Amino acid sequence: MEWPQELLELFDDPLLDGVKPKAAAVTADDRTQRKIDELHQWLADNGREPQASASNIKEKLLAVSLRTLKEQGLWI
């Protein structure tokens, strides 16, 4: 396909130098996969599941996420 010269000149306009396509929205599946990856990393680093009774807030949050994933059947 051959682009018209007028359009090619528009693409070279310095006003458009910083213009980039909009990033794709993060989906629920993306968030779930990130949480699963985070839990896998926790298990690799600590050798145990995160505990809801822990004093560390990150561990507590991971424990809640793990419980939710188990309830949804996404974690065995």
PDB file of N, CA and C in Angstrom:
ATOM      1  N   MET A   1       0.848  -1.180   0.000  1.00  0.00           N
ATOM      2  CA  MET A   1       0.000   0.000   0.000  1.00  0.00           C
ATOM      3  C   MET A   1       0.886   1.234   0.000  1.00  0.00           C
ATOM      4  N   GLU A   2       0.534   2.151  -0.806  1.00  0.00           N
ATOM      5  CA  GLU A   2       1.307   3.384  -0.902  1.00  0.00           C
ATOM      6  C   GLU A   2       0.552   4.501  -0.184  1.00  0.00           C
ATOM      7  N   TRP A   3       1.271   5.178   0.730  1.00  0.00           N
ATOM      8  CA  TRP A   3       0.669   6.246   1.509  1.00  0.00           C
ATOM      9  C   TRP A   3       0.769   7.561   0.751  1.00  0.00           C
ATOM     10  N   PRO A   4      -0.273   8.389   0.818  1.00  0.00           N
ATOM     11  CA  PRO A   4      -0.195   9.710   0.189  1.00  0.00           C
ATOM     12  C   PRO A   4       0.868  10.562   0.888  1.00  0.00           C
ATOM     13  N   GLN A   5       1.553  11.382   0.139  1.00  0.00           N
ATOM     14  CA  GLN A   5       2.611  12.225   0.669  1.00  0.00           C
ATOM     15  C   GLN A   5       2.106  13.119   1.796  1.00  0.00           C
ATOM     16  N   GLU A   6       0.895  13.605   1.666  1.00  0.00           N
ATOM     17  CA  GLU A   6       0.304  14.475   2.687  1.00  0.00           C
ATOM     18  C   GLU A   6       0.221  13.755   4.043  1.00  0.00           C
ATOM     19  N   LEU A   7      -0.128  12.495   4.017  1.00  0.00           N
ATOM     20  CA  LEU A   7      -0.215  11.710   5.244  1.00  0.00           C
ATOM     21  C   LEU A   7       1.175  11.430   5.812  1.00  0.00           C
ATOM     22  N   LEU A   8       2.128  11.130   4.971  1.00  0.00           N
ATOM     23  CA  LEU A   8       3.503  10.887   5.415  1.00  0.00           C
ATOM     24  C   LEU A   8       4.083  12.129   6.086  1.00  0.00           C
ATOM     25  N   GLU A   9       3.791  13.288   5.556  1.00  0.00           N
ATOM     26  CA  GLU A   9       4.271  14.536   6.152  1.00  0.00           C
ATOM     27  C   GLU A   9       3.634  14.755   7.526  1.00  0.00           C
ATOM     28  N   LEU A  10       2.384  14.369   7.654  1.00  0.00           N
ATOM     29  CA  LEU A  10       1.701  14.501   8.936  1.00  0.00           C
ATOM     30  C   LEU A  10       2.381  13.627   9.991  1.00  0.00           C
ATOM     31  N   PHE A  11       2.770  12.406   9.625  1.00  0.00           N
ATOM     32  CA  PHE A  11       3.450  11.511  10.558  1.00  0.00           C
ATOM     33  C   PHE A  11       4.796  12.070  11.009  1.00  0.00           C
ATOM     34  N   ASP A  12       5.434  12.883  10.185  1.00  0.00           N
ATOM     35  CA  ASP A  12       6.732  13.460  10.513  1.00  0.00           C
ATOM     36  C   ASP A  12       6.622  14.760  11.304  1.00  0.00           C
ATOM     37  N   ASP A  13       5.421  15.202  11.595  1.00  0.00           N
ATOM     38  CA  ASP A  13       5.209  16.451  12.324  1.00  0.00           C
ATOM     39  C   ASP A  13       5.798  16.325  13.730  1.00  0.00           C
ATOM     40  N   PRO A  14       6.645  17.278  14.158  1.00  0.00           N
ATOM     41  CA  PRO A  14       7.269  17.221  15.490  1.00  0.00           C
ATOM     42  C   PRO A  14       6.245  17.237  16.637  1.00  0.00           C
ATOM     43  N   LEU A  15       5.055  17.736  16.388  1.00  0.00           N
ATOM     44  CA  LEU A  15       4.034  17.744  17.433  1.00  0.00           C
ATOM     45  C   LEU A  15       3.605  16.321  17.800  1.00  0.00           C
ATOM     46  N   LEU A  16       3.834  15.387  16.912  1.00  0.00           N
ATOM     47  CA  LEU A  16       3.427  14.009  17.159  1.00  0.00           C
ATOM     48  C   LEU A  16       4.564  13.129  17.668  1.00  0.00           C
ATOM     49  N   ASP A  17       5.717  13.738  17.982  1.00  0.00           N
ATOM     50  CA  ASP A  17       6.880  12.961  18.417  1.00  0.00           C
ATOM     51  C   ASP A  17       6.600  12.102  19.639  1.00  0.00           C
ATOM     52  N   GLY A  18       5.879  12.606  20.618  1.00  0.00           N
ATOM     53  CA  GLY A  18       5.649  11.868  21.851  1.00  0.00           C
ATOM     54  C   GLY A  18       4.375  11.036  21.849  1.00  0.00           C
ATOM     55  N   VAL A  19       3.674  11.021  20.736  1.00  0.00           N
ATOM     56  CA  VAL A  19       2.404  10.296  20.678  1.00  0.00           C
ATOM     57  C   VAL A  19       2.667   8.800  20.521  1.00  0.00           C
ATOM     58  N   LYS A  20       2.048   8.030  21.415  1.00  0.00           N
ATOM     59  CA  LYS A  20       2.184   6.577  21.386  1.00  0.00           C
ATOM     60  C   LYS A  20       0.800   5.967  21.482  1.00  0.00           C
ATOM     61  N   PRO A  21       0.643   4.735  21.035  1.00  0.00           N
ATOM     62  CA  PRO A  21      -0.664   4.096  21.168  1.00  0.00           C
ATOM     63  C   PRO A  21      -1.030   3.915  22.637  1.00  0.00           C
ATOM     64  N   LYS A  22      -2.303   3.967  22.910  1.00  0.00           N
ATOM     65  CA  LYS A  22      -2.785   3.778  24.269  1.00  0.00           C
ATOM     66  C   LYS A  22      -2.483   2.349  24.705  1.00  0.00           C
ATOM     67  N   ALA A  23      -2.010   2.213  25.919  1.00  0.00           N
ATOM     68  CA  ALA A  23      -1.702   0.880  26.459  1.00  0.00           C
ATOM     69  C   ALA A  23      -3.004   0.103  26.644  1.00  0.00           C
ATOM     70  N   ALA A  24      -2.920  -1.183  26.410  1.00  0.00           N
ATOM     71  CA  ALA A  24      -4.093  -2.029  26.591  1.00  0.00           C
ATOM     72  C   ALA A  24      -4.490  -2.058  28.060  1.00  0.00           C
ATOM     73  N   ALA A  25      -5.768  -2.058  28.313  1.00  0.00           N
ATOM     74  CA  ALA A  25      -6.272  -2.098  29.684  1.00  0.00           C
ATOM     75  C   ALA A  25      -5.943  -3.448  30.306  1.00  0.00           C
ATOM     76  N   VAL A  26      -5.624  -3.422  31.593  1.00  0.00           N
ATOM     77  CA  VAL A  26      -5.334  -4.647  32.329  1.00  0.00           C
ATOM     78  C   VAL A  26      -6.661  -5.354  32.600  1.00  0.00           C
ATOM     79  N   THR A  27      -6.729  -6.625  32.252  1.00  0.00           N
ATOM     80  CA  THR A  27      -7.960  -7.388  32.436  1.00  0.00           C
ATOM     81  C   THR A  27      -7.936  -8.135  33.772  1.00  0.00           C
ATOM     82  N   ALA A  28      -9.068  -8.672  34.139  1.00  0.00           N
ATOM     83  CA  ALA A  28      -9.160  -9.474  35.364  1.00  0.00           C
ATOM     84  C   ALA A  28      -8.254 -10.700  35.252  1.00  0.00           C
ATOM     85  N   ASP A  29      -8.178 -11.280  34.066  1.00  0.00           N
ATOM     86  CA  ASP A  29      -7.298 -12.430  33.853  1.00  0.00           C
ATOM     87  C   ASP A  29      -5.834 -12.046  34.046  1.00  0.00           C
ATOM     88  N   ASP A  30      -5.469 -10.841  33.591  1.00  0.00           N
ATOM     89  CA  ASP A  30      -4.098 -10.357  33.773  1.00  0.00           C
ATOM     90  C   ASP A  30      -3.775 -10.213  35.264  1.00  0.00           C
ATOM     91  N   ARG A  31      -4.712  -9.641  36.020  1.00  0.00           N
ATOM     92  CA  ARG A  31      -4.501  -9.461  37.464  1.00  0.00           C
ATOM     93  C   ARG A  31      -4.398 -10.808  38.169  1.00  0.00           C
ATOM     94  N   THR A  32      -5.241 -11.749  37.767  1.00  0.00           N
ATOM     95  CA  THR A  32      -5.196 -13.086  38.363  1.00  0.00           C
ATOM     96  C   THR A  32      -3.858 -13.753  38.079  1.00  0.00           C
ATOM     97  N   GLN A  33      -3.394 -13.647  36.837  1.00  0.00           N
ATOM     98  CA  GLN A  33      -2.111 -14.268  36.481  1.00  0.00           C
ATOM     99  C   GLN A  33      -0.963 -13.624  37.250  1.00  0.00           C
ATOM    100  N   ARG A  34      -1.002 -12.312  37.423  1.00  0.00           N
ATOM    101  CA  ARG A  34       0.048 -11.638  38.199  1.00  0.00           C
ATOM    102  C   ARG A  34       0.062 -12.135  39.651  1.00  0.00           C
ATOM    103  N   LYS A  35      -1.134 -12.309  40.221  1.00  0.00           N
ATOM    104  CA  LYS A  35      -1.226 -12.774  41.603  1.00  0.00           C
ATOM    105  C   LYS A  35      -0.715 -14.206  41.716  1.00  0.00           C
ATOM    106  N   ILE A  36      -1.048 -15.057  40.737  1.00  0.00           N
ATOM    107  CA  ILE A  36      -0.541 -16.427  40.742  1.00  0.00           C
ATOM    108  C   ILE A  36       0.983 -16.428  40.643  1.00  0.00           C
ATOM    109  N   ASP A  37       1.522 -15.594  39.774  1.00  0.00           N
ATOM    110  CA  ASP A  37       2.979 -15.486  39.641  1.00  0.00           C
ATOM    111  C   ASP A  37       3.615 -15.021  40.955  1.00  0.00           C
ATOM    112  N   GLU A  38       2.961 -14.059  41.598  1.00  0.00           N
ATOM    113  CA  GLU A  38       3.465 -13.537  42.879  1.00  0.00           C
ATOM    114  C   GLU A  38       3.446 -14.634  43.948  1.00  0.00           C
ATOM    115  N   LEU A  39       2.384 -15.431  43.960  1.00  0.00           N
ATOM    116  CA  LEU A  39       2.304 -16.537  44.926  1.00  0.00           C
ATOM    117  C   LEU A  39       3.352 -17.605  44.635  1.00  0.00           C
ATOM    118  N   HIS A  40       3.583 -17.908  43.377  1.00  0.00           N
ATOM    119  CA  HIS A  40       4.633 -18.869  43.021  1.00  0.00           C
ATOM    120  C   HIS A  40       5.995 -18.371  43.504  1.00  0.00           C
ATOM    121  N   GLN A  41       6.245 -17.077  43.335  1.00  0.00           N
ATOM    122  CA  GLN A  41       7.508 -16.501  43.785  1.00  0.00           C
ATOM    123  C   GLN A  41       7.619 -16.601  45.302  1.00  0.00           C
ATOM    124  N   TRP A  42       6.517 -16.322  46.008  1.00  0.00           N
ATOM    125  CA  TRP A  42       6.506 -16.431  47.474  1.00  0.00           C
ATOM    126  C   TRP A  42       6.866 -17.855  47.894  1.00  0.00           C
ATOM    127  N   LEU A  43       6.231 -18.829  47.263  1.00  0.00           N
ATOM    128  CA  LEU A  43       6.493 -20.226  47.601  1.00  0.00           C
ATOM    129  C   LEU A  43       7.950 -20.596  47.333  1.00  0.00           C
ATOM    130  N   ALA A  44       8.500 -20.125  46.229  1.00  0.00           N
ATOM    131  CA  ALA A  44       9.896 -20.407  45.889  1.00  0.00           C
ATOM    132  C   ALA A  44      10.843 -19.772  46.908  1.00  0.00           C
ATOM    133  N   ASP A  45      10.518 -18.566  47.347  1.00  0.00           N
ATOM    134  CA  ASP A  45      11.388 -17.841  48.278  1.00  0.00           C
ATOM    135  C   ASP A  45      11.261 -18.339  49.715  1.00  0.00           C
ATOM    136  N   ASN A  46      10.057 -18.775  50.121  1.00  0.00           N
ATOM    137  CA  ASN A  46       9.799 -19.084  51.524  1.00  0.00           C
ATOM    138  C   ASN A  46       9.547 -20.563  51.805  1.00  0.00           C
ATOM    139  N   GLY A  47       9.247 -21.333  50.775  1.00  0.00           N
ATOM    140  CA  GLY A  47       9.029 -22.759  50.955  1.00  0.00           C
ATOM    141  C   GLY A  47       7.747 -23.114  51.692  1.00  0.00           C
ATOM    142  N   ARG A  48       6.845 -22.171  51.802  1.00  0.00           N
ATOM    143  CA  ARG A  48       5.564 -22.403  52.481  1.00  0.00           C
ATOM    144  C   ARG A  48       4.535 -21.420  51.943  1.00  0.00           C
ATOM    145  N   GLU A  49       3.266 -21.717  52.228  1.00  0.00           N
ATOM    146  CA  GLU A  49       2.196 -20.815  51.827  1.00  0.00           C
ATOM    147  C   GLU A  49       2.176 -19.601  52.760  1.00  0.00           C
ATOM    148  N   PRO A  50       1.749 -18.455  52.255  1.00  0.00           N
ATOM    149  CA  PRO A  50       1.617 -17.285  53.125  1.00  0.00           C
ATOM    150  C   PRO A  50       0.514 -17.519  54.158  1.00  0.00           C
ATOM    151  N   GLN A  51       0.697 -16.965  55.347  1.00  0.00           N
ATOM    152  CA  GLN A  51      -0.230 -17.168  56.463  1.00  0.00           C
ATOM    153  C   GLN A  51      -1.011 -15.886  56.745  1.00  0.00           C
ATOM    154  N   ALA A  52      -2.310 -16.038  56.953  1.00  0.00           N
ATOM    155  CA  ALA A  52      -3.158 -14.888  57.269  1.00  0.00           C
ATOM    156  C   ALA A  52      -2.836 -14.314  58.644  1.00  0.00           C
ATOM    157  N   SER A  53      -2.234 -15.115  59.512  1.00  0.00           N
ATOM    158  CA  SER A  53      -1.918 -14.660  60.870  1.00  0.00           C
ATOM    159  C   SER A  53      -0.554 -13.971  60.967  1.00  0.00           C
ATOM    160  N   ALA A  54       0.133 -13.834  59.863  1.00  0.00           N
ATOM    161  CA  ALA A  54       1.469 -13.229  59.859  1.00  0.00           C
ATOM    162  C   ALA A  54       1.391 -11.751  60.232  1.00  0.00           C
ATOM    163  N   SER A  55       2.495 -11.227  60.729  1.00  0.00           N
ATOM    164  CA  SER A  55       2.538  -9.799  61.064  1.00  0.00           C
ATOM    165  C   SER A  55       2.865  -8.956  59.833  1.00  0.00           C
ATOM    166  N   ASN A  56       3.392  -9.568  58.797  1.00  0.00           N
ATOM    167  CA  ASN A  56       3.761  -8.883  57.561  1.00  0.00           C
ATOM    168  C   ASN A  56       2.508  -8.685  56.699  1.00  0.00           C
ATOM    169  N   ILE A  57       2.184  -7.436  56.367  1.00  0.00           N
ATOM    170  CA  ILE A  57       0.963  -7.134  55.617  1.00  0.00           C
ATOM    171  C   ILE A  57       0.988  -7.774  54.223  1.00  0.00           C
ATOM    172  N   LYS A  58       2.151  -7.827  53.591  1.00  0.00           N
ATOM    173  CA  LYS A  58       2.242  -8.440  52.269  1.00  0.00           C
ATOM    174  C   LYS A  58       1.883  -9.921  52.337  1.00  0.00           C
ATOM    175  N   GLU A  59       2.372 -10.594  53.365  1.00  0.00           N
ATOM    176  CA  GLU A  59       2.057 -12.010  53.530  1.00  0.00           C
ATOM    177  C   GLU A  59       0.566 -12.205  53.796  1.00  0.00           C
ATOM    178  N   LYS A  60      -0.023 -11.333  54.604  1.00  0.00           N
ATOM    179  CA  LYS A  60      -1.458 -11.422  54.868  1.00  0.00           C
ATOM    180  C   LYS A  60      -2.258 -11.266  53.577  1.00  0.00           C
ATOM    181  N   LEU A  61      -1.887 -10.289  52.762  1.00  0.00           N
ATOM    182  CA  LEU A  61      -2.595 -10.057  51.496  1.00  0.00           C
ATOM    183  C   LEU A  61      -2.450 -11.250  50.559  1.00  0.00           C
ATOM    184  N   LEU A  62      -1.258 -11.820  50.513  1.00  0.00           N
ATOM    185  CA  LEU A  62      -1.051 -13.003  49.684  1.00  0.00           C
ATOM    186  C   LEU A  62      -1.869 -14.184  50.191  1.00  0.00           C
ATOM    187  N   ALA A  63      -1.995 -14.310  51.501  1.00  0.00           N
ATOM    188  CA  ALA A  63      -2.792 -15.387  52.079  1.00  0.00           C
ATOM    189  C   ALA A  63      -4.264 -15.249  51.675  1.00  0.00           C
ATOM    190  N   VAL A  64      -4.762 -14.032  51.691  1.00  0.00           N
ATOM    191  CA  VAL A  64      -6.151 -13.787  51.280  1.00  0.00           C
ATOM    192  C   VAL A  64      -6.310 -14.105  49.793  1.00  0.00           C
ATOM    193  N   SER A  65      -5.351 -13.686  48.979  1.00  0.00           N
ATOM    194  CA  SER A  65      -5.398 -13.982  47.545  1.00  0.00           C
ATOM    195  C   SER A  65      -5.370 -15.484  47.305  1.00  0.00           C
ATOM    196  N   LEU A  66      -4.530 -16.181  48.035  1.00  0.00           N
ATOM    197  CA  LEU A  66      -4.433 -17.627  47.892  1.00  0.00           C
ATOM    198  C   LEU A  66      -5.753 -18.297  48.265  1.00  0.00           C
ATOM    199  N   ARG A  67      -6.348 -17.864  49.366  1.00  0.00           N
ATOM    200  CA  ARG A  67      -7.642 -18.426  49.778  1.00  0.00           C
ATOM    201  C   ARG A  67      -8.698 -18.205  48.691  1.00  0.00           C
ATOM    202  N   THR A  68      -8.727 -17.009  48.126  1.00  0.00           N
ATOM    203  CA  THR A  68      -9.683 -16.692  47.067  1.00  0.00           C
ATOM    204  C   THR A  68      -9.453 -17.558  45.836  1.00  0.00           C
ATOM    205  N   LEU A  69      -8.197 -17.718  45.434  1.00  0.00           N
ATOM    206  CA  LEU A  69      -7.883 -18.551  44.275  1.00  0.00           C
ATOM    207  C   LEU A  69      -8.310 -19.998  44.516  1.00  0.00           C
ATOM    208  N   LYS A  70      -8.113 -20.478  45.730  1.00  0.00           N
ATOM    209  CA  LYS A  70      -8.529 -21.849  46.069  1.00  0.00           C
ATOM    210  C   LYS A  70     -10.057 -21.971  46.011  1.00  0.00           C
ATOM    211  N   GLU A  71     -10.766 -20.972  46.531  1.00  0.00           N
ATOM    212  CA  GLU A  71     -12.232 -20.979  46.503  1.00  0.00           C
ATOM    213  C   GLU A  71     -12.764 -20.969  45.071  1.00  0.00           C
ATOM    214  N   GLN A  72     -12.049 -20.299  44.178  1.00  0.00           N
ATOM    215  CA  GLN A  72     -12.461 -20.220  42.777  1.00  0.00           C
ATOM    216  C   GLN A  72     -11.995 -21.434  41.972  1.00  0.00           C
ATOM    217  N   GLY A  73     -11.235 -22.307  42.602  1.00  0.00           N
ATOM    218  CA  GLY A  73     -10.748 -23.484  41.911  1.00  0.00           C
ATOM    219  C   GLY A  73      -9.587 -23.193  40.974  1.00  0.00           C
ATOM    220  N   LEU A  74      -8.921 -22.068  41.185  1.00  0.00           N
ATOM    221  CA  LEU A  74      -7.794 -21.688  40.335  1.00  0.00           C
ATOM    222  C   LEU A  74      -6.459 -22.091  40.936  1.00  0.00           C
ATOM    223  N   TRP A  75      -6.490 -22.664  42.122  1.00  0.00           N
ATOM    224  CA  TRP A  75      -5.271 -23.095  42.816  1.00  0.00           C
ATOM    225  C   TRP A  75      -5.574 -24.433  43.483  1.00  0.00           C
ATOM    226  N   ILE A  76      -4.689 -25.364  43.289  1.00  0.00           N
ATOM    227  CA  ILE A  76      -4.910 -26.697  43.871  1.00  0.00           C
ATOM    228  C   ILE A  76      -3.981 -26.892  45.046  1.00  0.00           C
TER     229      ILE A  76
END
